[in-house]
Amino acid sequence: MSAPASQGEVRVFADYERDFRESCDVVVVGSGPTGSVVAHELAEAGRRVVLLEEGPPFTPGEFELEGTLSMTRTMREAGLRATRGFVMPTMQAIALGGGSLVNSAICVRPPEFVFERWCSGFDLERTTRKDLEPHFDAVGEFLGIAPTPEDVQGPRNLLFASGCDALGYSSEPIARNVRGCRGSGECFTGCRSRAKQSMDISYVPAAIRHGARVLTSVQVQRIRSDGRRAAGVEGQVVEPFSGKRSHRFRIDADVVVLAAGCVATPVLLHHSGELANRSGQAGRNLQFHPGVAVMGIFPEPTHPQFGATQGYQSLEFLPDGFKLETLWAPPGVMAVRLPGLGLEYKRHLARISHCAVWDAIVSCNRSLGRVVPRRGRLDPVLHYDVHPEDVKIFQHAAWVLAEILFAAGAKRILPGIHGVPDVLHSLEEAEVVRRGEMRASQFVSAGNHVFSTTRMHGDPARGVVDELGRCHDFDNLYIADTGIFPQCTSVNPMYTGMALAHRTAQALVERT
C-alpha cells in the first residue's frame, strides 16, 4: 500500500488534454450511493483511491426545473430508457453522485423477513438484518438520516397520513438523507437548497478530503485482467451531454470495485470478455420494483408543488408484496399520466393544483428479465416480463391506493389503468379495480429500483459474487451496487445498497 495524498482532487471534462495513465490501490467505477461509500471508507483508511464517473458534476445553478429538460441532462438515454416485453420506463442517472442527485432521498431499512429470505434461498450466512445493522448505523449517522418533519410535509403528504388513519392502516414519515429540508419538492430535478445529502456533497467531498482522486466525464469500457486477478480499467474521456469520446485513459489498480449500477455493470463485464461469469448469471435475474400510481382530486387546493417530494409511507402491506408512498414530480412529468385529449386533457391538467399522487412499489420476485449488451456498444437492451401472480399484487395495490384517497377526502380518482374508466367518483365505482382478472399491460408503470443482475450467492455456480461482493472467479474484483441483491428489498433500495457497500469497504480495508 502506498501513502495517500494529503488532499485529493476532482477533474472535469475541460481538465483532460491528452491520453493518460495512472495507478492506485483501489479504483471504483461509479460515483452513485454505493461507489461513493466504498471510495470514502477506503480513502479514510489510507488507501490510494481513484473514483471514476462517466457523468459530469452539477451545481445548483445548473439544475433545470423543467422536468423533461432535466432528464435529458441527468439521465441515460435522456430518461427514455425502457424495458421490452412489459414496456416500462426505467431511469438511470449519469452524473457525479449518480441516482442520489435526482432521487427522493428515501432511506428505509428492509424488514427482517427480506434478509431471512436472502439467506435461506441463496446460501448466505452473514447477511441477516442483525449482521448489517452496524453498517446501516454508520451510513445513517454520516448522512443524517432521519424521519421527515411535519413542517415540510405539505398537504399532499399529510392527506396520505389522514387517509391511512381513517382506515386503520399504519403510516409514518419517511426517513431521508437530508439536512435542513425546505420542502421545495425539487428532489427529482436536483436540490437547489443543497439540503439533500446526495453523494456529490456528502461522501464524495469527504473522500477527496482523505486523498481520493475523482475523475468525471470518463467512460470505463473494459476491465483489464490477468488470470484470476483484475489489473485495472481502461476507457475514454466523454464530453458531457453529447457523449462524444476523446482521450484514452488507463488506471492500474490492486483492487477493482464495480459500482456502475445494476444495468451497466453486467454490460461492462460482457465487454471485458465475459469476466466473472462462469456461473452464467451476469445480466440475468433482472428484477424491478414496478410502480403503480393513482391520482386523487380533492375539493381544496393541495399545493402539490410544496412539501417533501416523498414524505410519507406505509409499510402495512409489505407482507402482501407492496409498499405505499406519497409522490411528486415536476408537472410536465406528472402530466404524462393524465388521460384524454384536447379540452378534456386541459381540464385534467387544470386540476393538478388540487391533486395528490400516491404510489405503490411492488415486490415482483417472480418476475424476471435480463440485460442484453448491444454489439459494440455499452448501451443495453432490457427484457422484462411480469408474472401473472405479480399482476394480482398490482391490482391489490391500486385498490388500496383508491381506498386511502377516498378516505382522505378525494372527490374523484384517476386510476391510470387501461380498460378501467379514466375517472372514478366513489369507492363503489373503484370496485372495478380489484374485480376480475387483469393483464400487466393494462397498468401504466415505471421501475427505477433495479436489482439482481450480478447476484450474490453462496454457491459460485449460481451467483456472481460472494457475501462481501467479491466476484467468485476473481481474487480482487468486487461489485458494490444493487446488482448483487439476491432479490428485491421490498423497500427503497438505496440504504441497503450503501450498507452492503460499507461492509464491502470494511472487508477491503482488512485485506489490503
Protein backbone atom coordinates (compact mmCIF):
# COMPACT_ATOMS: atom_id res chain seq x y z
CA MET A 1 0.00 0.00 0.00
CA SER A 2 1.31 3.42 -0.97
CA ALA A 3 0.95 6.55 1.12
CA PRO A 4 -2.12 8.58 0.05
CA ALA A 5 -2.02 12.21 -0.95
CA SER A 6 -2.92 14.66 1.80
CA GLN A 7 -5.69 16.13 -0.33
CA GLY A 8 -7.48 14.63 -3.32
CA GLU A 9 -8.91 16.29 -6.38
CA VAL A 10 -11.83 16.30 -8.80
CA ARG A 11 -11.34 16.58 -12.53
CA VAL A 12 -13.90 17.70 -15.10
CA PHE A 13 -14.01 17.39 -18.89
CA ALA A 14 -12.00 20.58 -19.51
CA ASP A 15 -9.07 19.21 -17.48
CA TYR A 16 -8.22 16.44 -19.96
CA GLU A 17 -5.74 17.47 -22.65
CA ARG A 18 -4.17 14.15 -23.65
CA ASP A 19 -4.24 10.40 -23.10
CA PHE A 20 -3.24 9.47 -19.56
CA ARG A 21 -2.37 6.54 -17.32
CA GLU A 22 -2.48 6.40 -13.52
CA SER A 23 -2.13 3.88 -10.73
CA CYS A 24 -3.77 3.41 -7.34
CA ASP A 25 -4.58 0.87 -4.66
CA VAL A 26 -8.31 0.78 -5.46
CA VAL A 27 -10.25 2.02 -8.48
CA VAL A 28 -14.00 2.43 -8.01
CA VAL A 29 -16.20 2.61 -11.11
CA GLY A 30 -19.33 4.66 -10.43
CA SER A 31 -19.94 7.55 -8.02
CA GLY A 32 -23.51 6.74 -7.01
CA PRO A 33 -24.51 5.88 -3.43
CA THR A 34 -22.64 2.56 -3.29
CA GLY A 35 -19.46 3.57 -5.11
CA SER A 36 -19.12 6.77 -3.09
CA VAL A 37 -19.39 4.87 0.19
CA VAL A 38 -16.64 2.45 -0.89
CA ALA A 39 -14.38 5.28 -2.09
CA HIS A 40 -14.79 7.23 1.14
CA GLU A 41 -14.23 4.31 3.51
CA LEU A 42 -11.09 3.18 1.70
CA ALA A 43 -9.66 6.68 1.35
CA GLU A 44 -10.29 7.34 5.02
CA ALA A 45 -8.39 4.14 5.81
CA GLY A 46 -5.36 5.45 3.92
CA ARG A 47 -5.76 3.68 0.59
CA ARG A 48 -4.95 5.47 -2.67
CA VAL A 49 -8.37 5.63 -4.32
CA VAL A 50 -9.46 6.72 -7.79
CA LEU A 51 -13.22 7.18 -8.23
CA LEU A 52 -14.47 7.22 -11.85
CA GLU A 53 -17.74 8.75 -13.08
CA GLU A 54 -18.97 8.96 -16.67
CA GLY A 55 -21.25 11.93 -16.00
CA PRO A 56 -20.35 15.49 -15.03
CA PRO A 57 -20.72 17.25 -11.68
CA PHE A 58 -23.69 19.60 -11.32
CA THR A 59 -24.02 22.76 -9.27
CA PRO A 60 -27.38 24.22 -8.16
CA GLY A 61 -27.14 26.85 -10.90
CA GLU A 62 -27.03 24.08 -13.48
CA PHE A 63 -30.20 22.31 -12.31
CA GLU A 64 -33.15 22.58 -14.69
CA LEU A 65 -36.56 22.87 -13.02
CA GLU A 66 -38.41 21.76 -16.15
CA GLY A 67 -38.63 18.00 -15.72
CA THR A 68 -38.10 16.78 -19.27
CA LEU A 69 -35.10 19.07 -19.82
CA SER A 70 -33.63 17.94 -16.52
CA MET A 71 -33.99 14.31 -17.58
CA THR A 72 -32.11 14.90 -20.84
CA ARG A 73 -29.15 16.22 -18.85
CA THR A 74 -29.04 13.88 -15.85
CA MET A 75 -30.44 10.57 -17.14
CA ARG A 76 -29.16 7.96 -19.52
CA GLU A 77 -30.94 7.93 -22.87
CA ALA A 78 -32.50 11.26 -21.85
CA GLY A 79 -34.66 9.47 -19.29
CA LEU A 80 -36.40 7.45 -22.02
CA ARG A 81 -34.77 4.08 -21.37
CA ALA A 82 -37.45 1.39 -21.22
CA THR A 83 -37.82 -2.37 -20.97
CA ARG A 84 -39.03 -4.65 -23.72
CA GLY A 85 -41.70 -7.26 -23.14
CA PHE A 86 -43.54 -5.46 -20.36
CA VAL A 87 -42.84 -1.93 -21.56
CA MET A 88 -41.81 0.18 -18.58
CA PRO A 89 -39.60 3.28 -18.34
CA THR A 90 -36.58 2.96 -16.07
CA MET A 91 -34.31 5.87 -15.26
CA GLN A 92 -30.59 5.59 -14.53
CA ALA A 93 -28.65 8.75 -13.75
CA ILE A 94 -25.41 9.89 -15.38
CA ALA A 95 -23.90 12.49 -13.05
CA LEU A 96 -21.47 12.81 -10.18
CA GLY A 97 -23.41 11.31 -7.27
CA GLY A 98 -25.42 9.02 -9.53
CA GLY A 99 -29.05 8.45 -8.64
CA SER A 100 -28.69 10.27 -5.33
CA LEU A 101 -28.68 13.54 -7.26
CA VAL A 102 -32.20 13.01 -8.59
CA ASN A 103 -33.92 10.55 -6.25
CA SER A 104 -36.19 11.36 -3.31
CA ALA A 105 -33.56 10.61 -0.64
CA ILE A 106 -35.62 7.75 0.80
CA CYS A 107 -33.67 5.60 3.29
CA VAL A 108 -35.62 2.63 4.65
CA ARG A 109 -34.19 -0.49 6.26
CA PRO A 110 -35.83 -3.66 4.91
CA PRO A 111 -37.73 -5.86 7.35
CA GLU A 112 -36.03 -8.94 8.75
CA PHE A 113 -38.01 -11.30 6.51
CA VAL A 114 -36.24 -9.92 3.43
CA PHE A 115 -32.81 -10.90 4.73
CA GLU A 116 -34.11 -14.21 6.06
CA ARG A 117 -35.36 -14.98 2.55
CA TRP A 118 -32.00 -13.97 1.07
CA CYS A 119 -30.05 -16.17 3.48
CA SER A 120 -32.23 -19.26 3.16
CA GLY A 121 -32.70 -19.04 -0.58
CA PHE A 122 -29.19 -18.08 -1.65
CA ASP A 123 -26.88 -19.93 0.75
CA LEU A 124 -25.83 -16.81 2.67
CA GLU A 125 -24.60 -16.99 6.25
CA ARG A 126 -23.73 -13.41 7.25
CA THR A 127 -26.42 -11.25 5.66
CA THR A 128 -29.13 -11.09 8.29
CA ARG A 129 -30.62 -7.78 9.37
CA LYS A 130 -28.57 -8.11 12.59
CA ASP A 131 -25.36 -8.59 10.58
CA LEU A 132 -25.99 -5.42 8.60
CA GLU A 133 -27.25 -3.16 11.41
CA PRO A 134 -23.77 -1.70 12.20
CA HIS A 135 -23.36 -0.77 8.54
CA PHE A 136 -26.81 0.81 8.34
CA ASP A 137 -25.98 2.74 11.51
CA ALA A 138 -22.67 4.03 10.14
CA VAL A 139 -24.23 5.27 6.90
CA GLY A 140 -27.22 6.74 8.72
CA GLU A 141 -25.03 8.72 11.09
CA PHE A 142 -22.82 10.03 8.28
CA LEU A 143 -25.78 11.22 6.17
CA GLY A 144 -28.02 12.44 8.98
CA ILE A 145 -30.84 10.08 8.02
CA ALA A 146 -34.00 10.97 9.96
CA PRO A 147 -37.81 10.99 9.57
CA THR A 148 -39.25 13.86 7.54
CA PRO A 149 -40.50 16.57 9.96
CA GLU A 150 -44.13 17.67 9.78
CA ASP A 151 -43.33 21.30 8.92
CA VAL A 152 -42.01 20.28 5.47
CA GLN A 153 -44.65 17.66 4.66
CA GLY A 154 -47.21 19.84 2.89
CA PRO A 155 -50.90 18.94 2.36
CA ARG A 156 -50.43 16.09 -0.13
CA ASN A 157 -48.22 14.14 2.29
CA LEU A 158 -50.38 14.80 5.35
CA LEU A 159 -53.53 13.81 3.46
CA PHE A 160 -51.97 10.39 2.96
CA ALA A 161 -51.48 10.07 6.71
CA SER A 162 -55.09 11.07 7.39
CA GLY A 163 -56.41 8.56 4.85
CA CYS A 164 -54.37 5.76 6.39
CA ASP A 165 -55.54 6.75 9.87
CA ALA A 166 -59.17 6.66 8.77
CA LEU A 167 -58.75 3.08 7.53
CA GLY A 168 -56.60 1.88 10.40
CA TYR A 169 -53.55 1.38 8.21
CA SER A 170 -50.16 2.19 9.69
CA SER A 171 -48.19 5.09 8.20
CA GLU A 172 -45.11 7.09 9.11
CA PRO A 173 -42.90 9.94 7.91
CA ILE A 174 -40.24 8.68 5.51
CA ALA A 175 -36.65 8.66 6.76
CA ARG A 176 -34.43 10.54 4.29
CA ASN A 177 -30.80 11.61 3.94
CA VAL A 178 -31.44 15.36 4.23
CA ARG A 179 -30.29 18.18 6.47
CA GLY A 180 -32.48 21.28 6.66
CA CYS A 181 -35.05 20.30 4.02
CA ARG A 182 -37.28 23.24 2.99
CA GLY A 183 -39.98 21.12 1.38
CA SER A 184 -39.41 22.59 -2.08
CA GLY A 185 -40.37 19.34 -3.83
CA GLU A 186 -37.38 19.58 -6.19
CA CYS A 187 -35.67 16.26 -5.42
CA PHE A 188 -36.25 14.99 -8.96
CA THR A 189 -34.51 17.90 -10.68
CA GLY A 190 -31.76 18.43 -8.09
CA CYS A 191 -31.98 20.02 -4.67
CA ARG A 192 -31.10 23.70 -5.14
CA SER A 193 -31.01 24.31 -1.40
CA ARG A 194 -28.44 21.52 -1.06
CA ALA A 195 -30.42 20.01 1.80
CA LYS A 196 -30.46 16.57 0.23
CA GLN A 197 -27.25 14.84 1.15
CA SER A 198 -26.57 13.45 -2.31
CA MET A 199 -23.19 11.80 -2.76
CA ASP A 200 -21.70 14.80 -4.59
CA ILE A 201 -21.97 16.92 -1.44
CA SER A 202 -21.52 14.22 1.21
CA TYR A 203 -19.45 11.10 0.63
CA VAL A 204 -17.52 12.30 -2.45
CA PRO A 205 -16.14 15.52 -0.86
CA ALA A 206 -15.27 13.53 2.27
CA ALA A 207 -13.37 11.02 0.14
CA ILE A 208 -11.50 13.87 -1.56
CA ARG A 209 -10.53 15.29 1.83
CA HIS A 210 -8.92 11.93 2.59
CA GLY A 211 -6.95 11.93 -0.66
CA ALA A 212 -9.25 10.29 -3.21
CA ARG A 213 -8.93 11.39 -6.83
CA VAL A 214 -12.30 11.82 -8.55
CA LEU A 215 -12.33 11.73 -12.35
CA THR A 216 -15.61 12.75 -14.01
CA SER A 217 -16.54 12.57 -17.71
CA VAL A 218 -14.66 9.28 -18.12
CA GLN A 219 -16.29 6.16 -19.58
CA VAL A 220 -14.87 2.83 -18.47
CA GLN A 221 -15.01 0.49 -21.45
CA ARG A 222 -13.03 -2.55 -20.32
CA ILE A 223 -11.72 -4.24 -17.20
CA ARG A 224 -8.18 -5.44 -17.66
CA SER A 225 -7.37 -8.82 -16.17
CA ASP A 226 -4.70 -11.49 -15.86
CA GLY A 227 -5.92 -14.91 -14.77
CA ARG A 228 -7.83 -14.57 -11.51
CA ARG A 229 -6.72 -11.01 -10.96
CA ALA A 230 -8.12 -7.73 -12.26
CA ALA A 231 -5.32 -5.36 -13.28
CA GLY A 232 -7.34 -2.16 -13.65
CA VAL A 233 -9.67 -0.47 -16.14
CA GLU A 234 -9.42 1.50 -19.35
CA GLY A 235 -11.68 3.70 -21.43
CA GLN A 236 -12.14 7.14 -22.89
CA VAL A 237 -12.96 10.67 -21.84
CA VAL A 238 -16.52 11.61 -22.89
CA GLU A 239 -17.99 15.05 -23.40
CA PRO A 240 -20.97 15.79 -21.10
CA PHE A 241 -24.40 15.60 -22.74
CA SER A 242 -23.10 14.84 -26.25
CA GLY A 243 -21.24 11.66 -25.26
CA LYS A 244 -18.50 12.44 -27.79
CA ARG A 245 -15.38 10.41 -26.98
CA SER A 246 -11.85 11.80 -26.97
CA HIS A 247 -8.71 10.93 -24.99
CA ARG A 248 -7.97 7.42 -23.82
CA PHE A 249 -7.07 6.53 -20.24
CA ARG A 250 -5.87 3.58 -18.21
CA ILE A 251 -5.99 3.08 -14.45
CA ASP A 252 -3.81 0.35 -12.95
CA ALA A 253 -5.09 -0.85 -9.57
CA ASP A 254 -4.53 -3.56 -6.98
CA VAL A 255 -8.30 -3.85 -6.46
CA VAL A 256 -11.18 -3.04 -8.84
CA VAL A 257 -14.65 -2.24 -7.45
CA LEU A 258 -17.56 -2.02 -9.88
CA ALA A 259 -20.41 0.22 -8.72
CA ALA A 260 -21.62 1.26 -12.16
CA GLY A 261 -25.17 0.13 -11.45
CA CYS A 262 -27.31 -2.94 -11.90
CA VAL A 263 -27.66 -2.30 -15.64
CA ALA A 264 -24.18 -1.03 -16.55
CA THR A 265 -22.04 -3.47 -14.53
CA PRO A 266 -23.07 -6.68 -16.37
CA VAL A 267 -22.61 -4.91 -19.72
CA LEU A 268 -19.09 -3.89 -18.69
CA LEU A 269 -18.30 -7.46 -17.66
CA HIS A 270 -19.52 -8.67 -21.06
CA HIS A 271 -17.43 -6.16 -22.99
CA SER A 272 -14.39 -7.20 -20.95
CA GLY A 273 -14.58 -10.76 -22.27
CA GLU A 274 -17.44 -12.21 -20.17
CA LEU A 275 -15.50 -11.65 -16.97
CA ALA A 276 -16.78 -13.07 -13.69
CA ASN A 277 -19.46 -15.06 -15.49
CA ARG A 278 -18.51 -18.69 -15.03
CA SER A 279 -21.95 -19.12 -13.43
CA GLY A 280 -23.72 -17.66 -16.47
CA GLN A 281 -25.72 -15.41 -14.13
CA ALA A 282 -24.27 -11.99 -15.07
CA GLY A 283 -27.02 -9.98 -16.71
CA ARG A 284 -29.72 -12.45 -15.75
CA ASN A 285 -32.34 -12.39 -12.92
CA LEU A 286 -33.15 -8.71 -13.65
CA GLN A 287 -35.74 -7.52 -11.14
CA PHE A 288 -37.60 -4.26 -10.56
CA HIS A 289 -39.99 -2.63 -8.15
CA PRO A 290 -42.65 -1.67 -10.73
CA GLY A 291 -44.61 1.32 -9.51
CA VAL A 292 -48.40 1.62 -9.54
CA ALA A 293 -49.68 5.17 -9.01
CA VAL A 294 -53.17 6.62 -8.56
CA MET A 295 -54.08 10.33 -8.63
CA GLY A 296 -56.78 11.81 -6.44
CA ILE A 297 -58.54 15.14 -6.96
CA PHE A 298 -59.52 16.99 -3.78
CA PRO A 299 -62.08 19.77 -3.24
CA GLU A 300 -59.49 22.13 -1.76
CA PRO A 301 -56.08 23.02 -3.21
CA THR A 302 -53.36 20.59 -2.17
CA HIS A 303 -50.47 22.82 -3.34
CA PRO A 304 -48.65 19.68 -4.51
CA GLN A 305 -45.51 21.57 -5.54
CA PHE A 306 -44.81 22.27 -1.86
CA GLY A 307 -43.66 19.70 0.66
CA ALA A 308 -41.13 16.90 0.68
CA THR A 309 -41.14 15.10 -2.65
CA GLN A 310 -41.94 11.83 -0.90
CA GLY A 311 -42.61 12.46 2.76
CA TYR A 312 -44.95 9.71 3.99
CA GLN A 313 -45.12 5.94 3.60
CA SER A 314 -46.99 2.89 4.80
CA LEU A 315 -45.29 -0.44 5.43
CA GLU A 316 -48.62 -2.06 6.27
CA PHE A 317 -48.67 -4.19 3.14
CA LEU A 318 -45.05 -5.31 2.87
CA PRO A 319 -46.07 -8.93 3.64
CA ASP A 320 -48.58 -8.65 0.77
CA GLY A 321 -45.88 -7.54 -1.65
CA PHE A 322 -46.07 -3.76 -1.86
CA LYS A 323 -45.04 -0.55 -0.11
CA LEU A 324 -47.11 2.65 -0.24
CA GLU A 325 -45.67 6.15 -0.65
CA THR A 326 -46.61 9.69 -1.47
CA LEU A 327 -45.15 11.01 -4.71
CA TRP A 328 -44.42 14.19 -6.60
CA ALA A 329 -42.54 15.12 -9.77
CA PRO A 330 -42.48 18.23 -12.00
CA PRO A 331 -45.89 18.93 -13.59
CA GLY A 332 -44.54 18.20 -17.06
CA VAL A 333 -43.66 14.69 -15.93
CA MET A 334 -46.88 14.15 -13.99
CA ALA A 335 -48.92 15.37 -16.96
CA VAL A 336 -47.85 12.34 -18.99
CA ARG A 337 -50.15 10.22 -16.83
CA LEU A 338 -53.25 12.30 -17.45
CA PRO A 339 -55.95 10.78 -19.70
CA GLY A 340 -57.90 12.34 -22.55
CA LEU A 341 -57.18 14.62 -25.46
CA GLY A 342 -57.80 18.26 -26.28
CA LEU A 343 -60.20 20.06 -23.96
CA GLU A 344 -60.67 17.02 -21.73
CA TYR A 345 -56.92 16.78 -21.22
CA LYS A 346 -56.67 20.51 -20.45
CA ARG A 347 -59.38 20.15 -17.81
CA HIS A 348 -57.44 17.38 -16.10
CA LEU A 349 -54.29 19.49 -16.30
CA ALA A 350 -56.06 22.41 -14.64
CA ARG A 351 -56.82 20.24 -11.61
CA ILE A 352 -53.20 19.44 -10.77
CA SER A 353 -53.28 22.14 -8.08
CA HIS A 354 -55.95 20.04 -6.32
CA CYS A 355 -54.30 16.66 -6.79
CA ALA A 356 -52.30 14.18 -4.77
CA VAL A 357 -50.47 11.28 -6.38
CA TRP A 358 -49.64 8.26 -4.26
CA ASP A 359 -47.91 5.13 -5.44
CA ALA A 360 -47.02 1.57 -4.52
CA ILE A 361 -43.72 -0.13 -5.30
CA VAL A 362 -44.34 -3.80 -5.95
CA SER A 363 -42.06 -6.66 -4.92
CA CYS A 364 -42.05 -8.80 -8.05
CA ASN A 365 -39.80 -11.70 -7.08
CA ARG A 366 -41.44 -13.99 -9.64
CA SER A 367 -40.98 -11.50 -12.49
CA LEU A 368 -37.58 -11.76 -14.11
CA GLY A 369 -35.70 -10.22 -17.02
CA ARG A 370 -32.21 -9.84 -18.40
CA VAL A 371 -29.72 -7.23 -19.51
CA VAL A 372 -28.52 -7.87 -23.05
CA PRO A 373 -25.45 -5.93 -24.25
CA ARG A 374 -25.69 -4.33 -27.67
CA ARG A 375 -22.97 -5.38 -30.03
CA GLY A 376 -20.05 -2.95 -29.88
CA ARG A 377 -21.93 -0.57 -27.55
CA LEU A 378 -22.26 -0.03 -23.82
CA ASP A 379 -25.98 0.75 -24.03
CA PRO A 380 -28.07 -2.29 -23.01
CA VAL A 381 -31.32 -3.83 -24.13
CA LEU A 382 -33.55 -4.65 -21.15
CA HIS A 383 -36.04 -7.52 -21.36
CA TYR A 384 -38.60 -7.91 -18.60
CA ASP A 385 -41.83 -9.84 -18.13
CA VAL A 386 -44.33 -9.64 -15.30
CA HIS A 387 -45.52 -12.91 -13.80
CA PRO A 388 -49.35 -13.28 -13.66
CA GLU A 389 -49.23 -13.72 -9.87
CA ASP A 390 -47.42 -10.37 -9.56
CA VAL A 391 -50.15 -8.69 -11.61
CA LYS A 392 -52.50 -9.56 -8.76
CA ILE A 393 -50.27 -7.51 -6.45
CA PHE A 394 -50.57 -4.57 -8.88
CA GLN A 395 -54.35 -4.85 -8.59
CA HIS A 396 -54.35 -5.10 -4.81
CA ALA A 397 -52.03 -2.09 -4.52
CA ALA A 398 -54.14 0.05 -6.85
CA TRP A 399 -57.26 -0.81 -4.86
CA VAL A 400 -55.66 0.12 -1.55
CA LEU A 401 -54.47 3.44 -3.01
CA ALA A 402 -58.03 4.14 -4.15
CA GLU A 403 -59.29 3.31 -0.65
CA ILE A 404 -56.86 5.71 1.00
CA LEU A 405 -57.52 8.54 -1.45
CA PHE A 406 -61.27 8.41 -0.92
CA ALA A 407 -60.80 8.03 2.85
CA ALA A 408 -58.65 11.19 2.77
CA GLY A 409 -61.43 13.15 1.07
CA ALA A 410 -60.75 12.85 -2.67
CA LYS A 411 -63.84 13.54 -4.79
CA ARG A 412 -62.57 11.52 -7.73
CA ILE A 413 -59.56 9.45 -8.67
CA LEU A 414 -57.67 8.82 -11.90
CA PRO A 415 -56.56 5.16 -11.70
CA GLY A 416 -54.44 5.16 -14.85
CA ILE A 417 -55.36 1.58 -15.78
CA HIS A 418 -56.29 0.63 -19.34
CA GLY A 419 -59.76 -0.87 -19.52
CA VAL A 420 -60.88 0.98 -16.38
CA PRO A 421 -62.77 4.30 -16.65
CA ASP A 422 -60.44 7.31 -16.73
CA VAL A 423 -62.21 8.85 -13.73
CA LEU A 424 -63.84 7.09 -10.79
CA HIS A 425 -66.09 9.08 -8.44
CA SER A 426 -66.55 6.72 -5.49
CA LEU A 427 -65.12 3.66 -3.82
CA GLU A 428 -68.07 1.71 -5.20
CA GLU A 429 -67.06 2.67 -8.74
CA ALA A 430 -63.48 1.76 -7.88
CA GLU A 431 -64.52 -1.85 -7.25
CA VAL A 432 -63.67 -2.41 -10.91
CA VAL A 433 -60.01 -2.02 -9.97
CA ARG A 434 -59.96 -5.18 -7.87
CA ARG A 435 -62.69 -7.14 -9.65
CA GLY A 436 -61.80 -9.70 -12.28
CA GLU A 437 -58.52 -10.59 -13.92
CA MET A 438 -56.17 -8.02 -15.37
CA ARG A 439 -53.08 -8.14 -17.55
CA ALA A 440 -49.80 -6.42 -16.79
CA SER A 441 -50.15 -4.38 -20.00
CA GLN A 442 -53.19 -2.61 -18.53
CA PHE A 443 -51.04 -0.86 -15.93
CA VAL A 444 -49.01 2.27 -16.55
CA SER A 445 -45.88 1.59 -14.56
CA ALA A 446 -42.28 2.70 -14.04
CA GLY A 447 -39.38 0.88 -12.44
CA ASN A 448 -36.42 2.87 -11.17
CA HIS A 449 -35.40 0.37 -8.49
CA VAL A 450 -33.33 -2.28 -10.28
CA PHE A 451 -31.66 -5.40 -8.83
CA SER A 452 -30.05 -8.80 -9.04
CA THR A 453 -28.13 -8.88 -12.36
CA THR A 454 -24.90 -9.89 -10.59
CA ARG A 455 -26.49 -11.53 -7.60
CA MET A 456 -24.70 -12.78 -4.51
CA HIS A 457 -24.92 -16.48 -3.81
CA GLY A 458 -23.01 -18.84 -1.57
CA ASP A 459 -22.72 -21.29 -4.47
CA PRO A 460 -20.31 -19.98 -7.17
CA ALA A 461 -22.26 -21.93 -9.80
CA ARG A 462 -25.43 -19.95 -9.03
CA GLY A 463 -24.23 -16.41 -8.39
CA VAL A 464 -21.65 -13.84 -9.46
CA VAL A 465 -20.34 -12.60 -6.09
CA ASP A 466 -20.00 -13.80 -2.52
CA GLU A 467 -21.46 -12.10 0.54
CA LEU A 468 -18.73 -9.46 0.62
CA GLY A 469 -19.21 -8.57 -3.03
CA ARG A 470 -16.09 -10.36 -4.32
CA CYS A 471 -16.56 -12.00 -7.70
CA HIS A 472 -16.31 -15.76 -7.29
CA ASP A 473 -14.00 -16.01 -10.31
CA PHE A 474 -11.53 -13.34 -9.15
CA ASP A 475 -9.31 -12.59 -6.18
CA ASN A 476 -9.54 -8.78 -6.37
CA LEU A 477 -12.63 -7.84 -8.41
CA TYR A 478 -15.62 -6.66 -6.38
CA ILE A 479 -19.14 -5.49 -7.22
CA ALA A 480 -20.86 -2.99 -4.94
CA ASP A 481 -24.18 -1.96 -6.48
CA THR A 482 -27.77 -3.21 -6.32
CA GLY A 483 -26.96 -5.89 -8.87
CA ILE A 484 -25.64 -8.04 -6.01
CA PHE A 485 -29.03 -8.14 -4.24
CA PRO A 486 -30.31 -11.75 -4.45
CA GLN A 487 -33.85 -10.39 -4.76
CA CYS A 488 -35.64 -7.10 -4.24
CA THR A 489 -35.61 -5.40 -0.85
CA SER A 490 -39.40 -4.77 -0.58
CA VAL A 491 -38.49 -1.15 0.27
CA ASN A 492 -36.45 1.54 -1.48
CA PRO A 493 -33.01 0.04 -2.16
CA MET A 494 -30.51 2.89 -1.68
CA TYR A 495 -29.95 2.44 2.05
CA THR A 496 -29.42 -1.31 1.72
CA GLY A 497 -27.01 -0.79 -1.16
CA MET A 498 -24.97 1.64 0.91
CA ALA A 499 -24.95 -0.68 3.94
CA LEU A 500 -23.67 -3.58 1.83
CA ALA A 501 -21.09 -1.27 0.21
CA HIS A 502 -19.94 -0.18 3.66
CA ARG A 503 -19.47 -3.83 4.60
CA THR A 504 -17.52 -4.50 1.40
CA ALA A 505 -15.28 -1.48 2.04
CA GLN A 506 -14.57 -2.62 5.59
CA ALA A 507 -13.64 -6.06 4.31
CA LEU A 508 -11.27 -4.50 1.78
CA VAL A 509 -9.65 -2.37 4.47
CA GLU A 510 -8.93 -5.53 6.44
CA ARG A 511 -7.44 -7.43 3.50
CA THR A 512 -5.41 -4.72 1.71
